[in-house]
Amino acid sequence: MDTINSHNPSTGKIINSFVVADKEAVNTVVTNARAAQKSWKKLSRVNRAEYFDRLAQIMKDNVSDLTNMISTETGKSLNESRAEVMESLHMIQVSAALGKQSYGNVFASELSEKDIYVMRKPKGVIGVISPWNFSLAIGACWNTGPALVEGNTVVHKCSELTPMINKMMAELYVEAGFPNGVYNLIHGAETAGKALVKADVDCILFTGSAEVGQEIRRHCADTWHKICSCEMGSKSSVITFADGNLDLAVDVSVASAFKLSGQRCVSSGRMLVQRSILHEFQTRFVDKVKNEVTTGDPFEKDHYYGPLISMEQKERVARFNRMVRGDSSVTVLYDPEPKVDFTHQFLQPFIYGCEWADKPYLKQEVFGPHVAIIPFDDINDAIRIYNDTDYGLALGVITDDFRKHRTIRDECFTGMLYINGGSIAAESHVDFGGLKKSGNGWKTAIGTVDAVTDKIAVTVNHEHKMNWAQGMK
């Protein structure tokens, strides 16, 4: 029987071991979830919502334990870990609220004797594959909450890098009284994920790399019933115009770049700055990073971010850093010597300035504390640069010109736009997702509802004869 170990990325120590679900085990869990869904969907929405109300109360009593485990297992700072717990709690509360309202639409008919409404029906069994960086929020809450309250059951394959925090959350589902087979957690890496995708599920909710998401999309396209909601990578940005508030711009840009050491799907690896304020922005940005952004033990409050999640990811980011150092067209602005034990997965902030170009480190997702500051001349130039990647997830724009707001909104290919904010300001009750290689159109968070339900148009004739719309005889 194969096992995986949960590691503390700050120390390399093993936290716990977990049994890997093989193909047979995955299919057994899916079968049990299918059986449980028959009775779960028959509960009223209000009754299903009551489970989430209880779960929310239990989560409030476990905020500290959940926070500490996230920091232990992912290396997030305590501040960010607590924020993830609160984000997760908010989604559970939103799920409870969803159950207290009808989720559909009423339409007027052409004919006075007819009523028309569109209702939602649960798809059935939902497979969830979640990432390590927001494994509690995205997998066990953003995706699972709306899926369950709509009457589906869930089989959740969490990241092999964060099994412990998901085990804790699964135990809270049990404590809240959810029936057996309604929420199911399985462990494993690629093999377990592929088995879940190919199992008898009706929908896959996936968050991860674009390449894996594309494989899932291909599989679903070859079936008659299975759909997928894929939230994938990004090359997100903050665009700062000369008319914007520069203090605000620097604050949100630093946070967008270095929160969670740049390991958010919405992290900004590109800062687009109007050329007339480029020097001042660079100076302030670098000074703020030098003075405030330190890396080390995530349990120490004076550290801005902790380790990268793995040695493989550390080497990936270091490789991009080496590319930049070897490019004579680039000006390295900040590349400090290590200040912590680099036998583990710690990396210092890396900042450089350059013109926009077709370079791997400018167009590919780095997923680490690696930031380019790129000048632009006018709004059309900013739009051109932002759109010149395969991704389109998140964008912050700093300007006090409302006309620029609208132009950026209409011309930039982005799934989420934050006016006078950074790229990392998502809230649970709002759709979350992107365009191009960043997503396939279905959103996570509250947008999950659209992916896990089927719309049924119902027309009721109250006459004893049939009259046809559009004047047909």
Foldseek 3Di string as FASTA:
>chain_A
DDKFFAAQLQPRDTDDIGDAQFLVNLQVLQVLLQVVLVVLLPDQLLVLLLLLVLLLVVLVVCLVVLLVLLCRLFVAFSVVSSVLSVLQSVLSVVLSVVSVDFPWAWDDDPDPQKTKIKHKAFQAEEEEEEESNSQSRFFVGQQLSLNSSRRYAYEYEYASSRPPSVVVSVVSSVVSPDDPSRYHYGYDHDNSVVSNLPHPGQEYEYEEALVVVVVSQVVQVPDDGYYYWYFHAAQEEEEEEPQFDLVLSLVQLLCLQQRQQLQDRQRHQEYEYAPVCQVVSLVVNVVCCVVQAAEHNSHDPSHRTYFHSAPVLLVLLVVLVVVQVPDPQKAWSDADDDDDPVVGGHGGATEIEHEDDPDCSNAPRSNGNHHYYYYAHDLVRVQVRQQPYQWAEFYEYGHPDVVSVVVCVVRHFHPYYHYSHHRPDDHQCDWGFGDGSRIDPQTTRNSSNVRRIDMDMDMDRNDPDDDDPPRDD
